[in-house]
N, C-alpha and C. Protein backbone atom coordinates (compact mmCIF):
# COMPACT_ATOMS: atom_id res chain seq x y z
N UNK A 1 -17.07 -3.67 15.31
CA UNK A 1 -15.98 -2.81 14.85
C UNK A 1 -16.48 -1.36 14.76
N UNK A 2 -15.81 -0.41 15.40
CA UNK A 2 -16.28 0.99 15.44
C UNK A 2 -16.18 1.71 14.10
N UNK A 3 -15.41 1.16 13.15
CA UNK A 3 -15.30 1.76 11.83
C UNK A 3 -15.64 0.70 10.79
N UNK A 4 -15.84 1.15 9.54
CA UNK A 4 -16.03 0.21 8.43
C UNK A 4 -14.67 0.02 7.76
N UNK A 5 -14.22 -1.21 7.68
CA UNK A 5 -12.91 -1.48 7.12
C UNK A 5 -12.89 -1.30 5.61
N UNK A 6 -11.76 -0.90 5.04
CA UNK A 6 -11.62 -0.91 3.58
C UNK A 6 -11.88 -2.31 3.04
N UNK A 7 -12.36 -2.39 1.82
CA UNK A 7 -12.74 -3.68 1.25
C UNK A 7 -11.58 -4.67 1.22
N UNK A 8 -10.35 -4.20 1.02
CA UNK A 8 -9.22 -5.11 0.92
C UNK A 8 -8.87 -5.75 2.26
N UNK A 9 -9.48 -5.25 3.35
CA UNK A 9 -9.25 -5.86 4.66
C UNK A 9 -10.42 -6.72 5.11
N UNK A 10 -11.41 -6.86 4.25
CA UNK A 10 -12.64 -7.58 4.64
C UNK A 10 -12.39 -9.07 4.83
N UNK A 11 -11.49 -9.64 4.05
CA UNK A 11 -11.21 -11.07 4.16
C UNK A 11 -9.88 -11.32 4.82
N UNK A 12 -9.48 -12.58 4.85
CA UNK A 12 -8.23 -12.96 5.49
C UNK A 12 -7.03 -12.87 4.55
N UNK A 13 -7.29 -12.81 3.25
CA UNK A 13 -6.23 -12.78 2.26
C UNK A 13 -5.58 -11.40 2.24
N UNK A 14 -4.28 -11.33 2.47
CA UNK A 14 -3.57 -10.04 2.49
C UNK A 14 -3.18 -9.56 1.10
N UNK A 15 -3.27 -10.42 0.10
CA UNK A 15 -2.78 -10.07 -1.24
C UNK A 15 -3.42 -8.79 -1.80
N UNK A 16 -4.75 -8.60 -1.70
CA UNK A 16 -5.32 -7.37 -2.25
C UNK A 16 -4.78 -6.11 -1.58
N UNK A 17 -4.61 -6.14 -0.26
CA UNK A 17 -4.07 -4.97 0.44
C UNK A 17 -2.62 -4.73 0.06
N UNK A 18 -1.85 -5.78 -0.08
CA UNK A 18 -0.45 -5.63 -0.47
C UNK A 18 -0.33 -5.06 -1.88
N UNK A 19 -1.24 -5.43 -2.75
CA UNK A 19 -1.25 -4.87 -4.11
C UNK A 19 -1.51 -3.37 -4.07
N UNK A 20 -2.44 -2.95 -3.22
CA UNK A 20 -2.74 -1.52 -3.09
C UNK A 20 -1.52 -0.77 -2.57
N UNK A 21 -0.87 -1.30 -1.56
CA UNK A 21 0.31 -0.62 -1.01
C UNK A 21 1.44 -0.54 -2.04
N UNK A 22 1.59 -1.59 -2.82
CA UNK A 22 2.61 -1.57 -3.88
C UNK A 22 2.31 -0.47 -4.88
N UNK A 23 1.06 -0.37 -5.31
CA UNK A 23 0.72 0.65 -6.30
C UNK A 23 0.88 2.05 -5.75
N UNK A 24 0.54 2.24 -4.48
CA UNK A 24 0.62 3.59 -3.90
C UNK A 24 2.06 4.03 -3.69
N UNK A 25 2.88 3.16 -3.14
CA UNK A 25 4.22 3.56 -2.73
C UNK A 25 5.31 3.32 -3.77
N UNK A 26 5.07 2.42 -4.74
CA UNK A 26 6.19 2.04 -5.61
C UNK A 26 5.93 2.11 -7.11
N UNK A 27 4.69 2.13 -7.53
CA UNK A 27 4.40 2.10 -8.97
C UNK A 27 4.21 3.52 -9.50
N UNK A 28 5.03 3.96 -10.44
CA UNK A 28 4.87 5.30 -11.00
C UNK A 28 3.52 5.46 -11.71
N UNK A 29 2.99 6.66 -11.68
CA UNK A 29 1.75 6.96 -12.39
C UNK A 29 2.04 7.02 -13.88
N UNK A 30 1.12 6.50 -14.67
CA UNK A 30 1.32 6.47 -16.12
C UNK A 30 1.43 7.86 -16.71
N UNK A 31 0.64 8.79 -16.21
CA UNK A 31 0.60 10.11 -16.84
C UNK A 31 1.82 10.98 -16.53
N UNK A 32 2.56 10.66 -15.46
CA UNK A 32 3.72 11.47 -15.09
C UNK A 32 5.03 10.69 -15.07
N UNK A 33 4.93 9.37 -14.93
CA UNK A 33 6.14 8.57 -14.79
C UNK A 33 6.79 8.71 -13.43
N UNK A 34 6.12 9.40 -12.52
CA UNK A 34 6.64 9.61 -11.18
C UNK A 34 5.72 8.93 -10.16
N UNK A 35 6.28 8.70 -8.96
CA UNK A 35 5.46 8.16 -7.89
C UNK A 35 4.41 9.18 -7.46
N UNK A 36 3.36 8.70 -6.86
CA UNK A 36 2.38 9.61 -6.28
C UNK A 36 3.09 10.52 -5.28
N UNK A 37 2.63 11.76 -5.21
CA UNK A 37 3.26 12.67 -4.26
C UNK A 37 3.11 12.17 -2.83
N UNK A 38 2.01 11.47 -2.55
CA UNK A 38 1.81 10.95 -1.21
C UNK A 38 2.86 9.95 -0.78
N UNK A 39 3.53 9.31 -1.73
CA UNK A 39 4.57 8.35 -1.40
C UNK A 39 5.79 9.03 -0.76
N UNK A 40 5.89 10.36 -0.93
CA UNK A 40 6.99 11.12 -0.33
C UNK A 40 6.69 11.53 1.10
N UNK A 41 5.43 11.50 1.47
CA UNK A 41 4.96 12.08 2.73
C UNK A 41 5.68 11.52 3.96
N UNK A 42 5.73 10.23 4.08
CA UNK A 42 6.14 9.60 5.33
C UNK A 42 7.60 9.86 5.70
N UNK A 43 8.48 9.92 4.73
CA UNK A 43 9.90 10.09 5.03
C UNK A 43 10.43 11.49 4.69
N UNK A 44 9.55 12.41 4.33
CA UNK A 44 10.00 13.74 3.92
C UNK A 44 10.68 14.46 5.08
N UNK A 45 11.92 14.88 4.86
CA UNK A 45 12.70 15.62 5.87
C UNK A 45 13.79 16.38 5.15
N UNK A 46 13.41 17.38 4.37
CA UNK A 46 14.37 18.07 3.51
C UNK A 46 15.43 18.83 4.30
N UNK A 47 15.11 19.20 5.54
CA UNK A 47 16.05 19.98 6.35
C UNK A 47 16.89 19.10 7.27
N UNK A 48 16.49 17.85 7.43
CA UNK A 48 17.20 16.97 8.34
C UNK A 48 16.94 17.28 9.81
N UNK A 49 15.90 18.07 10.07
CA UNK A 49 15.64 18.50 11.46
C UNK A 49 14.26 18.04 11.96
N UNK A 50 13.65 17.11 11.25
CA UNK A 50 12.29 16.72 11.62
C UNK A 50 12.21 16.19 13.05
N UNK A 51 13.11 15.35 13.42
CA UNK A 51 13.08 14.78 14.77
C UNK A 51 13.29 15.87 15.82
N UNK A 52 14.22 16.75 15.57
CA UNK A 52 14.50 17.84 16.52
C UNK A 52 13.31 18.78 16.66
N UNK A 53 12.57 18.97 15.56
CA UNK A 53 11.46 19.92 15.53
C UNK A 53 10.11 19.27 15.81
N UNK A 54 10.10 18.18 16.55
CA UNK A 54 8.86 17.43 16.78
C UNK A 54 7.79 18.26 17.47
N UNK A 55 8.19 19.27 18.22
CA UNK A 55 7.22 20.06 18.99
C UNK A 55 7.03 21.47 18.45
N UNK A 56 7.33 21.67 17.19
CA UNK A 56 7.10 22.99 16.59
C UNK A 56 6.81 22.81 15.09
N UNK A 57 5.82 23.53 14.60
CA UNK A 57 5.53 23.48 13.17
C UNK A 57 6.58 24.28 12.42
N UNK A 58 7.01 23.72 11.29
CA UNK A 58 8.05 24.35 10.48
C UNK A 58 7.58 24.50 9.04
N UNK A 59 8.35 25.25 8.27
CA UNK A 59 8.04 25.41 6.85
C UNK A 59 8.08 24.07 6.14
N UNK A 60 8.94 23.17 6.59
CA UNK A 60 9.01 21.85 5.98
C UNK A 60 7.70 21.08 6.17
N UNK A 61 7.02 21.30 7.28
CA UNK A 61 5.71 20.67 7.50
C UNK A 61 4.68 21.18 6.50
N UNK A 62 4.74 22.48 6.22
CA UNK A 62 3.79 23.06 5.27
C UNK A 62 4.06 22.55 3.85
N UNK A 63 5.30 22.27 3.54
CA UNK A 63 5.62 21.64 2.26
C UNK A 63 5.10 20.21 2.25
N UNK A 64 5.30 19.50 3.34
CA UNK A 64 4.91 18.09 3.40
C UNK A 64 3.42 17.90 3.15
N UNK A 65 2.58 18.77 3.71
CA UNK A 65 1.14 18.55 3.53
C UNK A 65 0.71 18.73 2.09
N UNK A 66 1.49 19.45 1.29
CA UNK A 66 1.13 19.60 -0.12
C UNK A 66 1.23 18.26 -0.85
N UNK A 67 2.03 17.33 -0.33
CA UNK A 67 2.12 16.00 -0.94
C UNK A 67 0.81 15.24 -0.80
N UNK A 68 -0.02 15.67 0.16
CA UNK A 68 -1.33 15.05 0.36
C UNK A 68 -2.44 15.97 -0.16
N UNK A 69 -2.09 16.78 -1.14
CA UNK A 69 -3.06 17.56 -1.91
C UNK A 69 -3.81 18.62 -1.12
N UNK A 70 -3.16 19.20 -0.11
CA UNK A 70 -3.73 20.35 0.59
C UNK A 70 -2.62 21.38 0.76
N UNK A 71 -2.99 22.59 1.09
CA UNK A 71 -1.98 23.60 1.35
C UNK A 71 -2.51 24.63 2.32
N UNK A 72 -1.58 25.32 2.97
CA UNK A 72 -1.90 26.38 3.90
C UNK A 72 -1.66 27.71 3.19
N UNK A 73 -2.59 28.63 3.32
CA UNK A 73 -2.48 29.93 2.65
C UNK A 73 -1.33 30.74 3.24
N UNK A 74 -0.89 31.80 2.54
CA UNK A 74 0.16 32.66 3.10
C UNK A 74 -0.19 33.21 4.48
N UNK A 75 -1.42 33.69 4.64
CA UNK A 75 -1.82 34.19 5.95
C UNK A 75 -1.78 33.09 7.00
N UNK A 76 -2.28 31.92 6.62
CA UNK A 76 -2.25 30.79 7.54
C UNK A 76 -0.84 30.41 7.92
N UNK A 77 0.06 30.41 6.95
CA UNK A 77 1.45 30.06 7.22
C UNK A 77 2.09 31.05 8.18
N UNK A 78 1.80 32.33 8.00
CA UNK A 78 2.36 33.36 8.88
C UNK A 78 1.89 33.15 10.31
N UNK A 79 0.62 32.78 10.46
CA UNK A 79 0.07 32.56 11.80
C UNK A 79 0.68 31.32 12.44
N UNK A 80 0.75 30.23 11.68
CA UNK A 80 1.27 28.98 12.24
C UNK A 80 2.76 29.06 12.56
N UNK A 81 3.52 29.65 11.66
CA UNK A 81 4.98 29.64 11.80
C UNK A 81 5.52 30.80 12.64
N UNK A 82 4.74 31.88 12.78
CA UNK A 82 5.27 33.05 13.48
C UNK A 82 4.34 33.54 14.60
N UNK A 83 3.13 34.02 14.22
CA UNK A 83 2.28 34.68 15.20
C UNK A 83 1.88 33.76 16.36
N UNK A 84 1.50 32.53 16.06
CA UNK A 84 1.03 31.62 17.11
C UNK A 84 1.94 30.40 17.28
N UNK A 85 3.16 30.57 16.86
CA UNK A 85 4.16 29.50 16.92
C UNK A 85 4.26 28.90 18.32
N UNK A 86 4.40 29.76 19.35
CA UNK A 86 4.60 29.28 20.71
C UNK A 86 3.35 28.57 21.24
N UNK A 87 2.17 29.10 20.89
CA UNK A 87 0.92 28.47 21.32
C UNK A 87 0.82 27.04 20.79
N UNK A 88 1.08 26.88 19.52
CA UNK A 88 0.98 25.54 18.93
C UNK A 88 2.10 24.63 19.44
N UNK A 89 3.27 25.21 19.72
CA UNK A 89 4.37 24.41 20.26
C UNK A 89 4.01 23.86 21.64
N UNK A 90 3.34 24.66 22.44
CA UNK A 90 2.92 24.20 23.77
C UNK A 90 1.91 23.06 23.66
N UNK A 91 1.00 23.16 22.70
CA UNK A 91 0.01 22.11 22.52
C UNK A 91 0.66 20.82 22.00
N UNK A 92 1.61 20.96 21.09
CA UNK A 92 2.34 19.78 20.62
C UNK A 92 3.10 19.11 21.76
N UNK A 93 3.75 19.91 22.58
CA UNK A 93 4.49 19.34 23.71
C UNK A 93 3.56 18.64 24.68
N UNK A 94 2.35 19.20 24.86
CA UNK A 94 1.39 18.60 25.78
C UNK A 94 0.92 17.23 25.30
N UNK A 95 0.94 17.01 24.00
CA UNK A 95 0.55 15.70 23.46
C UNK A 95 1.53 14.63 23.89
N UNK A 96 2.78 15.02 24.05
CA UNK A 96 3.81 14.05 24.40
C UNK A 96 4.44 13.45 23.15
N UNK A 97 5.37 12.54 23.33
CA UNK A 97 6.07 11.95 22.18
C UNK A 97 5.15 11.10 21.33
N UNK A 98 5.57 10.85 20.11
CA UNK A 98 4.78 10.01 19.21
C UNK A 98 4.73 8.58 19.74
N UNK A 99 3.57 7.96 19.62
CA UNK A 99 3.39 6.56 20.02
C UNK A 99 2.16 6.05 19.31
N UNK A 100 1.99 4.74 19.28
CA UNK A 100 0.89 4.15 18.55
C UNK A 100 -0.44 4.49 19.21
N UNK A 101 -1.40 4.93 18.38
CA UNK A 101 -2.74 5.22 18.88
C UNK A 101 -3.34 4.00 19.56
N UNK A 102 -2.98 2.82 19.08
CA UNK A 102 -3.51 1.58 19.66
C UNK A 102 -3.08 1.39 21.11
N UNK A 103 -2.04 2.10 21.54
CA UNK A 103 -1.56 1.98 22.91
C UNK A 103 -2.29 2.92 23.87
N UNK A 104 -3.13 3.80 23.32
CA UNK A 104 -3.85 4.76 24.16
C UNK A 104 -5.06 4.09 24.79
N UNK A 105 -4.96 3.83 26.07
CA UNK A 105 -6.06 3.14 26.76
C UNK A 105 -7.23 4.07 27.06
N UNK A 106 -6.94 5.36 27.20
CA UNK A 106 -7.99 6.32 27.55
C UNK A 106 -8.68 6.87 26.31
N UNK A 107 -9.95 7.14 26.44
CA UNK A 107 -10.74 7.70 25.35
C UNK A 107 -10.19 9.05 24.92
N UNK A 108 -10.17 9.29 23.63
CA UNK A 108 -9.80 10.60 23.09
C UNK A 108 -11.04 11.50 23.12
N UNK A 109 -10.98 12.55 23.91
CA UNK A 109 -12.11 13.45 24.09
C UNK A 109 -11.67 14.87 23.75
N UNK A 110 -12.61 15.82 23.72
CA UNK A 110 -12.23 17.21 23.47
C UNK A 110 -11.22 17.76 24.47
N UNK A 111 -11.05 17.09 25.61
CA UNK A 111 -10.05 17.52 26.59
C UNK A 111 -8.66 17.01 26.25
N UNK A 112 -8.55 16.06 25.35
CA UNK A 112 -7.25 15.50 24.98
C UNK A 112 -6.41 16.56 24.29
N UNK A 113 -5.11 16.66 24.63
CA UNK A 113 -4.25 17.68 24.01
C UNK A 113 -4.27 17.65 22.48
N UNK A 114 -4.29 16.46 21.89
CA UNK A 114 -4.29 16.38 20.42
C UNK A 114 -5.57 16.97 19.85
N UNK A 115 -6.69 16.70 20.49
CA UNK A 115 -7.96 17.25 20.05
C UNK A 115 -7.95 18.77 20.22
N UNK A 116 -7.38 19.26 21.31
CA UNK A 116 -7.30 20.69 21.54
C UNK A 116 -6.45 21.38 20.47
N UNK A 117 -5.37 20.71 20.08
CA UNK A 117 -4.53 21.28 19.02
C UNK A 117 -5.30 21.35 17.71
N UNK A 118 -6.04 20.29 17.39
CA UNK A 118 -6.79 20.31 16.14
C UNK A 118 -7.80 21.46 16.12
N UNK A 119 -8.55 21.63 17.19
CA UNK A 119 -9.56 22.69 17.21
C UNK A 119 -8.90 24.07 17.20
N UNK A 120 -7.72 24.20 17.78
CA UNK A 120 -7.00 25.48 17.72
C UNK A 120 -6.56 25.77 16.29
N UNK A 121 -6.12 24.76 15.58
CA UNK A 121 -5.71 24.95 14.18
C UNK A 121 -6.88 25.34 13.29
N UNK A 122 -8.08 24.89 13.64
CA UNK A 122 -9.26 25.25 12.84
C UNK A 122 -9.47 26.76 12.76
N UNK A 123 -8.95 27.49 13.73
CA UNK A 123 -9.17 28.94 13.77
C UNK A 123 -8.21 29.69 12.85
N UNK A 124 -7.30 28.98 12.21
CA UNK A 124 -6.32 29.60 11.30
C UNK A 124 -6.89 29.61 9.89
N UNK A 125 -6.78 30.74 9.16
CA UNK A 125 -7.27 30.79 7.78
C UNK A 125 -6.70 29.66 6.94
N UNK A 126 -7.57 29.01 6.15
CA UNK A 126 -7.25 27.93 5.22
C UNK A 126 -7.05 26.58 5.90
N UNK A 127 -7.12 26.52 7.23
CA UNK A 127 -6.93 25.25 7.93
C UNK A 127 -8.26 24.80 8.52
N UNK A 128 -8.83 23.77 7.93
CA UNK A 128 -10.03 23.16 8.45
C UNK A 128 -9.71 21.77 8.98
N UNK A 129 -10.70 20.94 9.03
CA UNK A 129 -10.55 19.60 9.61
C UNK A 129 -9.49 18.77 8.89
N UNK A 130 -9.50 18.80 7.57
CA UNK A 130 -8.57 17.97 6.80
C UNK A 130 -7.13 18.45 6.96
N UNK A 131 -6.91 19.73 6.75
CA UNK A 131 -5.54 20.25 6.84
C UNK A 131 -5.00 20.11 8.25
N UNK A 132 -5.83 20.38 9.24
CA UNK A 132 -5.39 20.26 10.63
C UNK A 132 -4.95 18.83 10.93
N UNK A 133 -5.73 17.86 10.48
CA UNK A 133 -5.37 16.46 10.77
C UNK A 133 -4.04 16.09 10.11
N UNK A 134 -3.80 16.62 8.92
CA UNK A 134 -2.56 16.30 8.21
C UNK A 134 -1.36 16.97 8.86
N UNK A 135 -1.55 18.18 9.37
CA UNK A 135 -0.46 18.84 10.09
C UNK A 135 -0.11 18.09 11.37
N UNK A 136 -1.13 17.66 12.11
CA UNK A 136 -0.85 16.93 13.35
C UNK A 136 -0.25 15.57 13.04
N UNK A 137 -0.78 14.91 12.01
CA UNK A 137 -0.24 13.61 11.62
C UNK A 137 1.22 13.73 11.18
N UNK A 138 1.58 14.85 10.62
CA UNK A 138 2.97 15.09 10.25
C UNK A 138 3.88 15.08 11.49
N UNK A 139 3.39 15.63 12.60
CA UNK A 139 4.18 15.71 13.83
C UNK A 139 4.07 14.45 14.68
N UNK A 140 2.89 13.77 14.63
CA UNK A 140 2.67 12.56 15.43
C UNK A 140 2.05 11.48 14.54
N UNK A 141 2.82 10.95 13.59
CA UNK A 141 2.26 10.04 12.58
C UNK A 141 1.72 8.73 13.12
N UNK A 142 2.26 8.25 14.23
CA UNK A 142 1.76 7.00 14.80
C UNK A 142 0.51 7.21 15.65
N UNK A 143 0.30 8.43 16.11
CA UNK A 143 -0.77 8.72 17.06
C UNK A 143 -2.01 9.32 16.43
N UNK A 144 -1.83 10.13 15.37
CA UNK A 144 -2.96 10.91 14.88
C UNK A 144 -3.34 10.51 13.46
N UNK A 145 -4.56 10.06 13.26
CA UNK A 145 -4.98 9.61 11.92
C UNK A 145 -5.33 10.77 11.00
N UNK A 146 -4.92 10.64 9.76
CA UNK A 146 -5.27 11.62 8.73
C UNK A 146 -6.76 11.51 8.41
N UNK A 147 -7.38 12.67 8.25
CA UNK A 147 -8.79 12.67 7.84
C UNK A 147 -8.94 13.47 6.54
N UNK A 148 -9.72 12.94 5.62
CA UNK A 148 -10.26 13.74 4.53
C UNK A 148 -11.60 13.13 4.14
N UNK A 149 -12.28 13.76 3.22
CA UNK A 149 -13.64 13.33 2.87
C UNK A 149 -13.65 11.89 2.38
N UNK A 150 -12.67 11.53 1.57
CA UNK A 150 -12.62 10.18 1.00
C UNK A 150 -12.43 9.13 2.09
N UNK A 151 -11.45 9.35 2.95
CA UNK A 151 -11.18 8.40 4.03
C UNK A 151 -12.38 8.31 4.97
N UNK A 152 -12.99 9.46 5.26
CA UNK A 152 -14.16 9.46 6.13
C UNK A 152 -15.32 8.69 5.54
N UNK A 153 -15.46 8.76 4.22
CA UNK A 153 -16.54 8.02 3.56
C UNK A 153 -16.29 6.52 3.61
N UNK A 154 -15.06 6.12 3.31
CA UNK A 154 -14.74 4.69 3.29
C UNK A 154 -14.84 4.08 4.68
N UNK A 155 -14.29 4.77 5.67
CA UNK A 155 -14.26 4.24 7.04
C UNK A 155 -15.54 4.54 7.82
N UNK A 156 -16.44 5.33 7.23
CA UNK A 156 -17.66 5.75 7.92
C UNK A 156 -17.33 6.52 9.19
N UNK A 157 -16.40 7.48 9.06
CA UNK A 157 -15.98 8.27 10.22
C UNK A 157 -16.16 9.77 9.98
N UNK A 158 -17.14 10.14 9.17
CA UNK A 158 -17.35 11.56 8.90
C UNK A 158 -17.79 12.32 10.14
N UNK A 159 -18.56 11.68 10.99
CA UNK A 159 -19.03 12.35 12.20
C UNK A 159 -17.94 12.40 13.27
N UNK A 160 -17.21 11.33 13.42
CA UNK A 160 -16.10 11.27 14.38
C UNK A 160 -15.04 10.35 13.80
N UNK A 161 -13.80 10.73 13.92
CA UNK A 161 -12.71 10.00 13.25
C UNK A 161 -11.68 9.46 14.25
N UNK A 162 -11.18 10.31 15.11
CA UNK A 162 -10.08 9.95 16.00
C UNK A 162 -10.45 8.82 16.96
N UNK A 163 -11.51 9.01 17.73
CA UNK A 163 -11.87 8.02 18.74
C UNK A 163 -12.34 6.69 18.14
N UNK A 164 -13.17 6.69 17.08
CA UNK A 164 -13.54 5.41 16.48
C UNK A 164 -12.33 4.63 15.96
N UNK A 165 -11.34 5.32 15.41
CA UNK A 165 -10.16 4.62 14.93
C UNK A 165 -9.35 4.06 16.10
N UNK A 166 -9.23 4.83 17.17
CA UNK A 166 -8.55 4.30 18.36
C UNK A 166 -9.23 3.01 18.84
N UNK A 167 -10.55 3.04 18.92
CA UNK A 167 -11.27 1.86 19.37
C UNK A 167 -11.08 0.69 18.41
N UNK A 168 -11.10 0.98 17.11
CA UNK A 168 -10.94 -0.09 16.13
C UNK A 168 -9.56 -0.75 16.23
N UNK A 169 -8.53 0.05 16.44
CA UNK A 169 -7.17 -0.50 16.53
C UNK A 169 -7.01 -1.38 17.77
N UNK A 170 -7.77 -1.08 18.82
CA UNK A 170 -7.66 -1.82 20.08
C UNK A 170 -8.64 -3.00 20.15
N UNK A 171 -9.59 -3.01 19.24
CA UNK A 171 -10.64 -4.03 19.25
C UNK A 171 -10.04 -5.44 19.15
N UNK A 172 -10.63 -6.35 19.91
CA UNK A 172 -10.22 -7.76 19.84
C UNK A 172 -8.72 -7.91 20.06
N UNK A 173 -8.24 -7.32 21.17
CA UNK A 173 -6.83 -7.41 21.55
C UNK A 173 -5.88 -6.86 20.49
N UNK A 174 -6.29 -5.78 19.84
CA UNK A 174 -5.40 -5.12 18.88
C UNK A 174 -5.23 -5.85 17.57
N UNK A 175 -6.26 -6.59 17.18
CA UNK A 175 -6.17 -7.39 15.95
C UNK A 175 -5.89 -6.54 14.71
N UNK A 176 -6.61 -5.41 14.57
CA UNK A 176 -6.41 -4.56 13.39
C UNK A 176 -5.03 -3.93 13.39
N UNK A 177 -4.59 -3.44 14.54
CA UNK A 177 -3.26 -2.86 14.63
C UNK A 177 -2.20 -3.86 14.19
N UNK A 178 -2.31 -5.08 14.68
CA UNK A 178 -1.32 -6.12 14.33
C UNK A 178 -1.36 -6.43 12.84
N UNK A 179 -2.55 -6.44 12.27
CA UNK A 179 -2.62 -6.75 10.84
C UNK A 179 -2.01 -5.63 10.01
N UNK A 180 -2.26 -4.39 10.38
CA UNK A 180 -1.71 -3.26 9.64
C UNK A 180 -0.18 -3.25 9.71
N UNK A 181 0.35 -3.52 10.88
CA UNK A 181 1.80 -3.60 11.03
C UNK A 181 2.35 -4.75 10.19
N UNK A 182 1.64 -5.88 10.21
CA UNK A 182 2.07 -7.02 9.40
C UNK A 182 2.07 -6.71 7.92
N UNK A 183 1.07 -5.97 7.46
CA UNK A 183 1.02 -5.57 6.05
C UNK A 183 2.19 -4.68 5.69
N UNK A 184 2.51 -3.75 6.58
CA UNK A 184 3.67 -2.88 6.32
C UNK A 184 4.94 -3.72 6.17
N UNK A 185 5.10 -4.70 7.05
CA UNK A 185 6.30 -5.53 7.00
C UNK A 185 6.33 -6.39 5.75
N UNK A 186 5.19 -6.98 5.41
CA UNK A 186 5.14 -7.81 4.20
C UNK A 186 5.41 -6.99 2.94
N UNK A 187 4.95 -5.73 2.96
CA UNK A 187 5.14 -4.85 1.80
C UNK A 187 6.56 -4.29 1.74
N UNK A 188 7.34 -4.50 2.79
CA UNK A 188 8.71 -3.98 2.81
C UNK A 188 8.78 -2.48 2.94
N UNK A 189 7.79 -1.89 3.59
CA UNK A 189 7.77 -0.43 3.78
C UNK A 189 8.59 -0.06 5.00
N UNK A 190 9.14 1.15 5.03
CA UNK A 190 9.97 1.56 6.18
C UNK A 190 9.13 1.77 7.43
N UNK A 191 9.80 1.78 8.58
CA UNK A 191 9.11 2.00 9.85
C UNK A 191 8.46 3.38 9.91
N UNK A 192 8.90 4.29 9.05
CA UNK A 192 8.30 5.63 9.01
C UNK A 192 6.85 5.59 8.56
N UNK A 193 6.43 4.48 7.99
CA UNK A 193 5.03 4.30 7.59
C UNK A 193 4.32 3.55 8.72
N UNK A 194 3.58 4.26 9.58
CA UNK A 194 2.96 3.60 10.72
C UNK A 194 1.66 2.88 10.34
N UNK A 195 1.13 2.15 11.29
CA UNK A 195 -0.12 1.42 11.05
C UNK A 195 -1.23 2.35 10.60
N UNK A 196 -1.32 3.52 11.21
CA UNK A 196 -2.36 4.48 10.82
C UNK A 196 -2.26 4.86 9.36
N UNK A 197 -1.06 4.99 8.87
CA UNK A 197 -0.86 5.40 7.48
C UNK A 197 -1.24 4.28 6.52
N UNK A 198 -0.97 3.03 6.92
CA UNK A 198 -1.39 1.90 6.10
C UNK A 198 -2.91 1.91 5.96
N UNK A 199 -3.60 2.13 7.06
CA UNK A 199 -5.06 2.19 7.02
C UNK A 199 -5.53 3.34 6.14
N UNK A 200 -4.90 4.49 6.28
CA UNK A 200 -5.26 5.67 5.49
C UNK A 200 -5.11 5.41 4.00
N UNK A 201 -3.98 4.81 3.61
CA UNK A 201 -3.72 4.54 2.19
C UNK A 201 -4.73 3.54 1.64
N UNK A 202 -5.01 2.49 2.38
CA UNK A 202 -5.96 1.48 1.90
C UNK A 202 -7.35 2.07 1.73
N UNK A 203 -7.73 2.96 2.64
CA UNK A 203 -9.04 3.60 2.53
C UNK A 203 -9.08 4.57 1.36
N UNK A 204 -8.07 5.41 1.23
CA UNK A 204 -8.06 6.44 0.19
C UNK A 204 -8.02 5.82 -1.21
N UNK A 205 -7.21 4.80 -1.37
CA UNK A 205 -7.08 4.17 -2.69
C UNK A 205 -8.37 3.48 -3.12
N UNK A 206 -9.19 3.07 -2.19
CA UNK A 206 -10.43 2.38 -2.54
C UNK A 206 -11.31 3.23 -3.44
N UNK A 207 -11.36 4.53 -3.20
CA UNK A 207 -12.21 5.41 -4.00
C UNK A 207 -11.46 6.23 -5.04
N UNK A 208 -10.18 6.53 -4.77
CA UNK A 208 -9.50 7.51 -5.60
C UNK A 208 -8.54 6.94 -6.64
N UNK A 209 -8.23 5.67 -6.56
CA UNK A 209 -7.20 5.14 -7.46
C UNK A 209 -7.59 3.79 -8.03
N UNK A 210 -8.40 3.75 -9.07
CA UNK A 210 -8.70 2.47 -9.71
C UNK A 210 -7.44 1.85 -10.30
N UNK A 211 -7.48 0.56 -10.52
CA UNK A 211 -6.30 -0.17 -10.97
C UNK A 211 -5.75 0.39 -12.28
N UNK A 212 -6.59 0.98 -13.09
CA UNK A 212 -6.16 1.46 -14.40
C UNK A 212 -5.52 2.82 -14.40
N UNK A 213 -5.34 3.45 -13.20
CA UNK A 213 -4.78 4.84 -13.21
C UNK A 213 -3.33 4.86 -13.65
């Protein structure tokens, strides 16, 4: 396996993973009485134009990433939404429509449009590896995995994230992809929560959300 699986996926019993998904998406936090902000991420579309705007970054995207505890600075927002809007739109269009990363037969390399978009975003103030991945995942949630320090530590993908996850999803005839989709269905989560997001949540919760939170 090209990545290290979250502990709740180590065995055949799905119950531990389903418990984690329930706590993340449906159980209010004790200290606020509200759901985690990340539970809003997958279906957030305050303008009703998310599908239409699939190939352009919008202000709604910058709001969405705040649900995952990051933000783009005012200068960064001006560059993404205005100064370099067309450049990033061309890169998004080059990626093509959203589809499951597990369906990508070809290796993801620095020549891949998605990788090129990520490295282009790195040149924007306040946007590094983590924020860039979340912005791209906002536009292509089935194709692009979210990265942050916690997820990288759990999955052992700090050095490389995109390609190892692609390989892992395809390993053994797509066994991991099928299990993640099955977990989403068993948990009763909407289709807006892709397999990649299930993996992200299970990894992040392993370190950041003990049962007593």
